[in-house]
Amino acid sequence: SVRNGEIDYLEHNPHYLAKPSIAGRISDALTEIGF
């Protein structure tokens, strides 16, 4: 969700059935980036 050109909210729709799943890697990266 973008306000004034910048992200102010973010939803991640994980694909849990993917093998291998990258949902955990995405979550870790978002946390590291500052979310």
PDB file of all heavy atoms in Angstrom:
ATOM      1  N   SER A   1       0.876  -1.157   0.000  1.00  0.00           N
ATOM      2  CA  SER A   1       0.000   0.000   0.000  1.00  0.00           C
ATOM      3  C   SER A   1       0.921   1.216   0.000  1.00  0.00           C
ATOM      4  O   SER A   1       1.807   1.330   0.843  1.00  0.00           O
ATOM      5  CB  SER A   1      -0.879  -0.019   1.254  1.00  0.00           C
ATOM      6  OG  SER A   1      -1.597   1.183   1.360  1.00  0.00           O
ATOM      7  N   VAL A   2       0.725   2.100  -0.972  1.00  0.00           N
ATOM      8  CA  VAL A   2       1.641   3.218  -1.168  1.00  0.00           C
ATOM      9  C   VAL A   2       0.926   4.538  -0.881  1.00  0.00           C
ATOM     10  O   VAL A   2      -0.182   4.774  -1.374  1.00  0.00           O
ATOM     11  CB  VAL A   2       2.204   3.210  -2.608  1.00  0.00           C
ATOM     12  CG1 VAL A   2       3.112   4.396  -2.854  1.00  0.00           C
ATOM     13  CG2 VAL A   2       2.932   1.895  -2.875  1.00  0.00           C
ATOM     14  N   ARG A   3       1.574   5.358  -0.082  1.00  0.00           N
ATOM     15  CA  ARG A   3       1.082   6.701   0.203  1.00  0.00           C
ATOM     16  C   ARG A   3       2.233   7.666  -0.061  1.00  0.00           C
ATOM     17  O   ARG A   3       3.330   7.462   0.457  1.00  0.00           O
ATOM     18  CB  ARG A   3       0.609   6.818   1.654  1.00  0.00           C
ATOM     19  CG  ARG A   3       0.050   8.198   1.968  1.00  0.00           C
ATOM     20  CD  ARG A   3      -0.473   8.288   3.366  1.00  0.00           C
ATOM     21  NE  ARG A   3      -1.576   7.337   3.521  1.00  0.00           N
ATOM     22  CZ  ARG A   3      -2.006   6.890   4.680  1.00  0.00           C
ATOM     23  NH1 ARG A   3      -1.426   7.262   5.796  1.00  0.00           N
ATOM     24  NH2 ARG A   3      -3.012   6.043   4.748  1.00  0.00           N
ATOM     25  N   ASN A   4       1.972   8.690  -0.854  1.00  0.00           N
ATOM     26  CA  ASN A   4       2.999   9.678  -1.215  1.00  0.00           C
ATOM     27  C   ASN A   4       4.233   9.004  -1.812  1.00  0.00           C
ATOM     28  O   ASN A   4       5.362   9.392  -1.528  1.00  0.00           O
ATOM     29  CB  ASN A   4       3.390  10.540  -0.020  1.00  0.00           C
ATOM     30  CG  ASN A   4       2.225  11.350   0.509  1.00  0.00           C
ATOM     31  OD1 ASN A   4       1.392  11.812  -0.264  1.00  0.00           O
ATOM     32  ND2 ASN A   4       2.158  11.510   1.804  1.00  0.00           N
ATOM     33  N   GLY A   5       4.016   7.943  -2.582  1.00  0.00           N
ATOM     34  CA  GLY A   5       5.095   7.263  -3.276  1.00  0.00           C
ATOM     35  C   GLY A   5       5.857   6.238  -2.452  1.00  0.00           C
ATOM     36  O   GLY A   5       6.707   5.533  -2.981  1.00  0.00           O
ATOM     37  N   GLU A   6       5.569   6.131  -1.154  1.00  0.00           N
ATOM     38  CA  GLU A   6       6.300   5.203  -0.283  1.00  0.00           C
ATOM     39  C   GLU A   6       5.354   4.184   0.347  1.00  0.00           C
ATOM     40  O   GLU A   6       4.189   4.464   0.595  1.00  0.00           O
ATOM     41  CB  GLU A   6       7.026   5.983   0.808  1.00  0.00           C
ATOM     42  CG  GLU A   6       8.069   6.924   0.238  1.00  0.00           C
ATOM     43  CD  GLU A   6       8.745   7.765   1.301  1.00  0.00           C
ATOM     44  OE1 GLU A   6       8.261   7.803   2.447  1.00  0.00           O
ATOM     45  OE2 GLU A   6       9.762   8.382   0.974  1.00  0.00           O
ATOM     46  N   ILE A   7       5.908   3.010   0.616  1.00  0.00           N
ATOM     47  CA  ILE A   7       5.117   1.929   1.210  1.00  0.00           C
ATOM     48  C   ILE A   7       4.771   2.282   2.657  1.00  0.00           C
ATOM     49  O   ILE A   7       5.647   2.598   3.451  1.00  0.00           O
ATOM     50  CB  ILE A   7       5.890   0.598   1.161  1.00  0.00           C
ATOM     51  CG1 ILE A   7       6.190   0.207  -0.284  1.00  0.00           C
ATOM     52  CG2 ILE A   7       5.113  -0.501   1.896  1.00  0.00           C
ATOM     53  CD1 ILE A   7       7.148  -0.960  -0.423  1.00  0.00           C
ATOM     54  N   ASP A   8       3.468   2.234   2.985  1.00  0.00           N
ATOM     55  CA  ASP A   8       3.056   2.468   4.367  1.00  0.00           C
ATOM     56  C   ASP A   8       2.422   1.226   5.000  1.00  0.00           C
ATOM     57  O   ASP A   8       2.146   1.198   6.195  1.00  0.00           O
ATOM     58  CB  ASP A   8       2.121   3.666   4.484  1.00  0.00           C
ATOM     59  CG  ASP A   8       0.756   3.449   3.855  1.00  0.00           C
ATOM     60  OD1 ASP A   8       0.611   2.549   2.997  1.00  0.00           O
ATOM     61  OD2 ASP A   8      -0.175   4.184   4.215  1.00  0.00           O
ATOM     62  N   TYR A   9       2.220   0.186   4.200  1.00  0.00           N
ATOM     63  CA  TYR A   9       1.642  -1.073   4.675  1.00  0.00           C
ATOM     64  C   TYR A   9       1.943  -2.102   3.607  1.00  0.00           C
ATOM     65  O   TYR A   9       2.006  -1.779   2.424  1.00  0.00           O
ATOM     66  CB  TYR A   9       0.128  -0.918   4.860  1.00  0.00           C
ATOM     67  CG  TYR A   9      -0.578  -2.065   5.543  1.00  0.00           C
ATOM     68  CD1 TYR A   9      -0.553  -2.187   6.925  1.00  0.00           C
ATOM     69  CD2 TYR A   9      -1.282  -3.005   4.808  1.00  0.00           C
ATOM     70  CE1 TYR A   9      -1.230  -3.227   7.557  1.00  0.00           C
ATOM     71  CE2 TYR A   9      -1.954  -4.044   5.437  1.00  0.00           C
ATOM     72  CZ  TYR A   9      -1.926  -4.152   6.808  1.00  0.00           C
ATOM     73  OH  TYR A   9      -2.582  -5.168   7.437  1.00  0.00           O
ATOM     74  N   LEU A  10       2.124  -3.347   4.018  1.00  0.00           N
ATOM     75  CA  LEU A  10       2.545  -4.380   3.079  1.00  0.00           C
ATOM     76  C   LEU A  10       1.893  -5.697   3.465  1.00  0.00           C
ATOM     77  O   LEU A  10       1.921  -6.088   4.629  1.00  0.00           O
ATOM     78  CB  LEU A  10       4.067  -4.502   3.161  1.00  0.00           C
ATOM     79  CG  LEU A  10       4.789  -5.453   2.250  1.00  0.00           C
ATOM     80  CD1 LEU A  10       4.617  -5.043   0.796  1.00  0.00           C
ATOM     81  CD2 LEU A  10       6.268  -5.460   2.608  1.00  0.00           C
ATOM     82  N   GLU A  11       1.290  -6.360   2.492  1.00  0.00           N
ATOM     83  CA  GLU A  11       0.714  -7.683   2.708  1.00  0.00           C
ATOM     84  C   GLU A  11       1.504  -8.701   1.901  1.00  0.00           C
ATOM     85  O   GLU A  11       1.793  -8.471   0.730  1.00  0.00           O
ATOM     86  CB  GLU A  11      -0.752  -7.717   2.301  1.00  0.00           C
ATOM     87  CG  GLU A  11      -1.624  -6.857   3.183  1.00  0.00           C
ATOM     88  CD  GLU A  11      -3.063  -6.784   2.700  1.00  0.00           C
ATOM     89  OE1 GLU A  11      -3.386  -7.341   1.633  1.00  0.00           O
ATOM     90  OE2 GLU A  11      -3.856  -6.134   3.390  1.00  0.00           O
ATOM     91  N   HIS A  12       1.837  -9.806   2.531  1.00  0.00           N
ATOM     92  CA  HIS A  12       2.534 -10.907   1.867  1.00  0.00           C
ATOM     93  C   HIS A  12       1.565 -12.067   1.770  1.00  0.00           C
ATOM     94  O   HIS A  12       1.089 -12.574   2.775  1.00  0.00           O
ATOM     95  CB  HIS A  12       3.774 -11.309   2.679  1.00  0.00           C
ATOM     96  CG  HIS A  12       4.461 -12.529   2.160  1.00  0.00           C
ATOM     97  ND1 HIS A  12       5.274 -13.294   2.947  1.00  0.00           N
ATOM     98  CD2 HIS A  12       4.470 -13.121   0.945  1.00  0.00           C
ATOM     99  CE1 HIS A  12       5.749 -14.296   2.239  1.00  0.00           C
ATOM    100  NE2 HIS A  12       5.274 -14.219   1.019  1.00  0.00           N
ATOM    101  N   ASN A  13       1.284 -12.475   0.544  1.00  0.00           N
ATOM    102  CA  ASN A  13       0.456 -13.653   0.308  1.00  0.00           C
ATOM    103  C   ASN A  13       1.411 -14.795  -0.015  1.00  0.00           C
ATOM    104  O   ASN A  13       1.864 -14.930  -1.152  1.00  0.00           O
ATOM    105  CB  ASN A  13      -0.517 -13.400  -0.841  1.00  0.00           C
ATOM    106  CG  ASN A  13      -1.473 -14.542  -1.042  1.00  0.00           C
ATOM    107  OD1 ASN A  13      -1.471 -15.507  -0.285  1.00  0.00           O
ATOM    108  ND2 ASN A  13      -2.284 -14.451  -2.064  1.00  0.00           N
ATOM    109  N   PRO A  14       1.761 -15.599   0.997  1.00  0.00           N
ATOM    110  CA  PRO A  14       2.727 -16.687   0.777  1.00  0.00           C
ATOM    111  C   PRO A  14       2.132 -17.821  -0.042  1.00  0.00           C
ATOM    112  O   PRO A  14       0.943 -18.106   0.035  1.00  0.00           O
ATOM    113  CB  PRO A  14       3.053 -17.181   2.186  1.00  0.00           C
ATOM    114  CG  PRO A  14       2.391 -16.250   3.127  1.00  0.00           C
ATOM    115  CD  PRO A  14       1.337 -15.516   2.370  1.00  0.00           C
ATOM    116  N   HIS A  15       2.987 -18.463  -0.793  1.00  0.00           N
ATOM    117  CA  HIS A  15       2.595 -19.667  -1.520  1.00  0.00           C
ATOM    118  C   HIS A  15       3.152 -20.854  -0.727  1.00  0.00           C
ATOM    119  O   HIS A  15       4.250 -21.319  -0.959  1.00  0.00           O
ATOM    120  CB  HIS A  15       3.158 -19.648  -2.945  1.00  0.00           C
ATOM    121  CG  HIS A  15       2.729 -20.815  -3.758  1.00  0.00           C
ATOM    122  ND1 HIS A  15       1.421 -21.007  -4.150  1.00  0.00           N
ATOM    123  CD2 HIS A  15       3.421 -21.863  -4.248  1.00  0.00           C
ATOM    124  CE1 HIS A  15       1.332 -22.115  -4.839  1.00  0.00           C
ATOM    125  NE2 HIS A  15       2.531 -22.665  -4.910  1.00  0.00           N
ATOM    126  N   TYR A  16       2.370 -21.286   0.264  1.00  0.00           N
ATOM    127  CA  TYR A  16       2.833 -22.306   1.202  1.00  0.00           C
ATOM    128  C   TYR A  16       3.094 -23.661   0.560  1.00  0.00           C
ATOM    129  O   TYR A  16       3.836 -24.460   1.094  1.00  0.00           O
ATOM    130  CB  TYR A  16       1.831 -22.467   2.345  1.00  0.00           C
ATOM    131  CG  TYR A  16       1.748 -21.268   3.245  1.00  0.00           C
ATOM    132  CD1 TYR A  16       0.577 -20.520   3.326  1.00  0.00           C
ATOM    133  CD2 TYR A  16       2.832 -20.882   4.020  1.00  0.00           C
ATOM    134  CE1 TYR A  16       0.492 -19.428   4.158  1.00  0.00           C
ATOM    135  CE2 TYR A  16       2.767 -19.782   4.856  1.00  0.00           C
ATOM    136  CZ  TYR A  16       1.587 -19.057   4.922  1.00  0.00           C
ATOM    137  OH  TYR A  16       1.512 -17.970   5.742  1.00  0.00           O
ATOM    138  N   LEU A  17       2.472 -23.933  -0.583  1.00  0.00           N
ATOM    139  CA  LEU A  17       2.637 -25.237  -1.213  1.00  0.00           C
ATOM    140  C   LEU A  17       3.876 -25.316  -2.095  1.00  0.00           C
ATOM    141  O   LEU A  17       4.225 -26.386  -2.575  1.00  0.00           O
ATOM    142  CB  LEU A  17       1.393 -25.584  -2.030  1.00  0.00           C
ATOM    143  CG  LEU A  17       0.099 -25.690  -1.226  1.00  0.00           C
ATOM    144  CD1 LEU A  17      -1.070 -26.007  -2.149  1.00  0.00           C
ATOM    145  CD2 LEU A  17       0.222 -26.734  -0.132  1.00  0.00           C
ATOM    146  N   ALA A  18       4.536 -24.183  -2.311  1.00  0.00           N
ATOM    147  CA  ALA A  18       5.740 -24.185  -3.142  1.00  0.00           C
ATOM    148  C   ALA A  18       6.828 -25.005  -2.466  1.00  0.00           C
ATOM    149  O   ALA A  18       6.989 -24.969  -1.254  1.00  0.00           O
ATOM    150  CB  ALA A  18       6.223 -22.758  -3.352  1.00  0.00           C
ATOM    151  N   LYS A  19       7.548 -25.746  -3.255  1.00  0.00           N
ATOM    152  CA  LYS A  19       8.661 -26.553  -2.741  1.00  0.00           C
ATOM    153  C   LYS A  19       9.927 -26.146  -3.452  1.00  0.00           C
ATOM    154  O   LYS A  19      10.015 -26.312  -4.669  1.00  0.00           O
ATOM    155  CB  LYS A  19       8.397 -28.044  -2.960  1.00  0.00           C
ATOM    156  CG  LYS A  19       7.160 -28.551  -2.270  1.00  0.00           C
ATOM    157  CD  LYS A  19       7.301 -28.476  -0.773  1.00  0.00           C
ATOM    158  CE  LYS A  19       6.046 -29.038  -0.120  1.00  0.00           C
ATOM    159  NZ  LYS A  19       5.722 -28.507   1.130  1.00  0.00           N
ATOM    160  N   PRO A  20      10.872 -25.564  -2.792  1.00  0.00           N
ATOM    161  CA  PRO A  20      10.826 -25.190  -1.380  1.00  0.00           C
ATOM    162  C   PRO A  20      10.087 -23.869  -1.185  1.00  0.00           C
ATOM    163  O   PRO A  20      10.068 -23.025  -2.078  1.00  0.00           O
ATOM    164  CB  PRO A  20      12.301 -25.038  -1.008  1.00  0.00           C
ATOM    165  CG  PRO A  20      12.945 -24.583  -2.269  1.00  0.00           C
ATOM    166  CD  PRO A  20      12.184 -25.268  -3.387  1.00  0.00           C
ATOM    167  N   SER A  21       9.487 -23.707  -0.038  1.00  0.00           N
ATOM    168  CA  SER A  21       8.811 -22.464   0.300  1.00  0.00           C
ATOM    169  C   SER A  21       9.851 -21.395   0.606  1.00  0.00           C
ATOM    170  O   SER A  21      10.867 -21.669   1.239  1.00  0.00           O
ATOM    171  CB  SER A  21       7.920 -22.687   1.523  1.00  0.00           C
ATOM    172  OG  SER A  21       7.383 -21.447   1.945  1.00  0.00           O
ATOM    173  N   ILE A  22       9.592 -20.184   0.156  1.00  0.00           N
ATOM    174  CA  ILE A  22      10.498 -19.079   0.475  1.00  0.00           C
ATOM    175  C   ILE A  22       9.839 -18.074   1.420  1.00  0.00           C
ATOM    176  O   ILE A  22      10.386 -17.009   1.673  1.00  0.00           O
ATOM    177  CB  ILE A  22      11.013 -18.373  -0.802  1.00  0.00           C
ATOM    178  CG1 ILE A  22       9.873 -17.735  -1.579  1.00  0.00           C
ATOM    179  CG2 ILE A  22      11.827 -19.329  -1.655  1.00  0.00           C
ATOM    180  CD1 ILE A  22      10.344 -16.800  -2.701  1.00  0.00           C
ATOM    181  N   ALA A  23       8.684 -18.432   1.962  1.00  0.00           N
ATOM    182  CA  ALA A  23       7.955 -17.510   2.839  1.00  0.00           C
ATOM    183  C   ALA A  23       8.811 -17.062   4.024  1.00  0.00           C
ATOM    184  O   ALA A  23       8.815 -15.875   4.383  1.00  0.00           O
ATOM    185  CB  ALA A  23       6.660 -18.146   3.327  1.00  0.00           C
ATOM    186  N   GLY A  24       9.531 -17.964   4.627  1.00  0.00           N
ATOM    187  CA  GLY A  24      10.379 -17.605   5.769  1.00  0.00           C
ATOM    188  C   GLY A  24      11.511 -16.687   5.363  1.00  0.00           C
ATOM    189  O   GLY A  24      11.851 -15.747   6.090  1.00  0.00           O
ATOM    190  N   ARG A  25      12.102 -16.933   4.192  1.00  0.00           N
ATOM    191  CA  ARG A  25      13.182 -16.065   3.701  1.00  0.00           C
ATOM    192  C   ARG A  25      12.659 -14.662   3.404  1.00  0.00           C
ATOM    193  O   ARG A  25      13.338 -13.669   3.669  1.00  0.00           O
ATOM    194  CB  ARG A  25      13.811 -16.661   2.450  1.00  0.00           C
ATOM    195  CG  ARG A  25      14.633 -17.904   2.730  1.00  0.00           C
ATOM    196  CD  ARG A  25      15.228 -18.525   1.483  1.00  0.00           C
ATOM    197  NE  ARG A  25      15.913 -17.561   0.631  1.00  0.00           N
ATOM    198  CZ  ARG A  25      15.973 -17.665  -0.709  1.00  0.00           C
ATOM    199  NH1 ARG A  25      15.413 -18.680  -1.325  1.00  0.00           N
ATOM    200  NH2 ARG A  25      16.616 -16.757  -1.411  1.00  0.00           N
ATOM    201  N   ILE A  26      11.462 -14.575   2.857  1.00  0.00           N
ATOM    202  CA  ILE A  26      10.859 -13.267   2.581  1.00  0.00           C
ATOM    203  C   ILE A  26      10.619 -12.531   3.888  1.00  0.00           C
ATOM    204  O   ILE A  26      10.951 -11.351   4.023  1.00  0.00           O
ATOM    205  CB  ILE A  26       9.557 -13.415   1.769  1.00  0.00           C
ATOM    206  CG1 ILE A  26       9.860 -13.959   0.372  1.00  0.00           C
ATOM    207  CG2 ILE A  26       8.808 -12.086   1.695  1.00  0.00           C
ATOM    208  CD1 ILE A  26       8.644 -14.369  -0.428  1.00  0.00           C
ATOM    209  N   SER A  27      10.045 -13.222   4.871  1.00  0.00           N
ATOM    210  CA  SER A  27       9.782 -12.615   6.171  1.00  0.00           C
ATOM    211  C   SER A  27      11.073 -12.115   6.820  1.00  0.00           C
ATOM    212  O   SER A  27      11.133 -10.990   7.321  1.00  0.00           O
ATOM    213  CB  SER A  27       9.080 -13.619   7.085  1.00  0.00           C
ATOM    214  OG  SER A  27       8.828 -13.049   8.339  1.00  0.00           O
ATOM    215  N   ASP A  28      12.108 -12.947   6.798  1.00  0.00           N
ATOM    216  CA  ASP A  28      13.396 -12.549   7.376  1.00  0.00           C
ATOM    217  C   ASP A  28      13.963 -11.328   6.661  1.00  0.00           C
ATOM    218  O   ASP A  28      14.472 -10.401   7.300  1.00  0.00           O
ATOM    219  CB  ASP A  28      14.398 -13.698   7.307  1.00  0.00           C
ATOM    220  CG  ASP A  28      14.050 -14.848   8.235  1.00  0.00           C
ATOM    221  OD1 ASP A  28      13.192 -14.675   9.129  1.00  0.00           O
ATOM    222  OD2 ASP A  28      14.634 -15.944   8.051  1.00  0.00           O
ATOM    223  N   ALA A  29      13.869 -11.308   5.339  1.00  0.00           N
ATOM    224  CA  ALA A  29      14.394 -10.181   4.567  1.00  0.00           C
ATOM    225  C   ALA A  29      13.620  -8.902   4.864  1.00  0.00           C
ATOM    226  O   ALA A  29      14.215  -7.838   5.048  1.00  0.00           O
ATOM    227  CB  ALA A  29      14.347 -10.499   3.072  1.00  0.00           C
ATOM    228  N   LEU A  30      12.298  -8.994   4.927  1.00  0.00           N
ATOM    229  CA  LEU A  30      11.494  -7.807   5.236  1.00  0.00           C
ATOM    230  C   LEU A  30      11.847  -7.243   6.610  1.00  0.00           C
ATOM    231  O   LEU A  30      11.966  -6.028   6.777  1.00  0.00           O
ATOM    232  CB  LEU A  30      10.001  -8.129   5.152  1.00  0.00           C
ATOM    233  CG  LEU A  30       9.460  -8.386   3.748  1.00  0.00           C
ATOM    234  CD1 LEU A  30       8.027  -8.896   3.818  1.00  0.00           C
ATOM    235  CD2 LEU A  30       9.555  -7.129   2.890  1.00  0.00           C
ATOM    236  N   THR A  31      12.049  -8.126   7.576  1.00  0.00           N
ATOM    237  CA  THR A  31      12.431  -7.682   8.914  1.00  0.00           C
ATOM    238  C   THR A  31      13.801  -7.013   8.883  1.00  0.00           C
ATOM    239  O   THR A  31      13.997  -5.948   9.479  1.00  0.00           O
ATOM    240  CB  THR A  31      12.429  -8.880   9.885  1.00  0.00           C
ATOM    241  OG1 THR A  31      11.112  -9.443   9.914  1.00  0.00           O
ATOM    242  CG2 THR A  31      12.818  -8.450  11.286  1.00  0.00           C
ATOM    243  N   GLU A  32      14.725  -7.605   8.166  1.00  0.00           N
ATOM    244  CA  GLU A  32      16.069  -7.042   8.048  1.00  0.00           C
ATOM    245  C   GLU A  32      16.054  -5.675   7.354  1.00  0.00           C
ATOM    246  O   GLU A  32      16.791  -4.767   7.730  1.00  0.00           O
ATOM    247  CB  GLU A  32      16.945  -8.019   7.264  1.00  0.00           C
ATOM    248  CG  GLU A  32      18.393  -7.629   7.162  1.00  0.00           C
ATOM    249  CD  GLU A  32      19.178  -8.686   6.400  1.00  0.00           C
ATOM    250  OE1 GLU A  32      19.208  -9.853   6.848  1.00  0.00           O
ATOM    251  OE2 GLU A  32      19.749  -8.327   5.349  1.00  0.00           O
ATOM    252  N   ILE A  33      15.199  -5.518   6.369  1.00  0.00           N
ATOM    253  CA  ILE A  33      15.091  -4.268   5.618  1.00  0.00           C
ATOM    254  C   ILE A  33      14.461  -3.164   6.469  1.00  0.00           C
ATOM    255  O   ILE A  33      14.754  -1.990   6.269  1.00  0.00           O
ATOM    256  CB  ILE A  33      14.292  -4.502   4.316  1.00  0.00           C
ATOM    257  CG1 ILE A  33      15.102  -5.392   3.368  1.00  0.00           C
ATOM    258  CG2 ILE A  33      13.899  -3.199   3.646  1.00  0.00           C
ATOM    259  CD1 ILE A  33      14.297  -5.975   2.220  1.00  0.00           C
ATOM    260  N   GLY A  34      13.625  -3.532   7.426  1.00  0.00           N
ATOM    261  CA  GLY A  34      13.033  -2.518   8.294  1.00  0.00           C
ATOM    262  C   GLY A  34      11.528  -2.559   8.414  1.00  0.00           C
ATOM    263  O   GLY A  34      10.901  -1.579   8.827  1.00  0.00           O
ATOM    264  N   PHE A  35      10.940  -3.704   8.071  1.00  0.00           N
ATOM    265  CA  PHE A  35       9.494  -3.853   8.227  1.00  0.00           C
ATOM    266  C   PHE A  35       9.197  -4.661   9.479  1.00  0.00           C
ATOM    267  O   PHE A  35       9.967  -5.541   9.868  1.00  0.00           O
ATOM    268  CB  PHE A  35       8.879  -4.535   7.000  1.00  0.00           C
ATOM    269  CG  PHE A  35       8.784  -3.622   5.823  1.00  0.00           C
ATOM    270  CD1 PHE A  35       9.861  -3.455   4.971  1.00  0.00           C
ATOM    271  CD2 PHE A  35       7.638  -2.891   5.580  1.00  0.00           C
ATOM    272  CE1 PHE A  35       9.803  -2.595   3.890  1.00  0.00           C
ATOM    273  CE2 PHE A  35       7.556  -2.027   4.504  1.00  0.00           C
ATOM    274  CZ  PHE A  35       8.644  -1.876   3.654  1.00  0.00           C
TER     275      PHE A  35
END
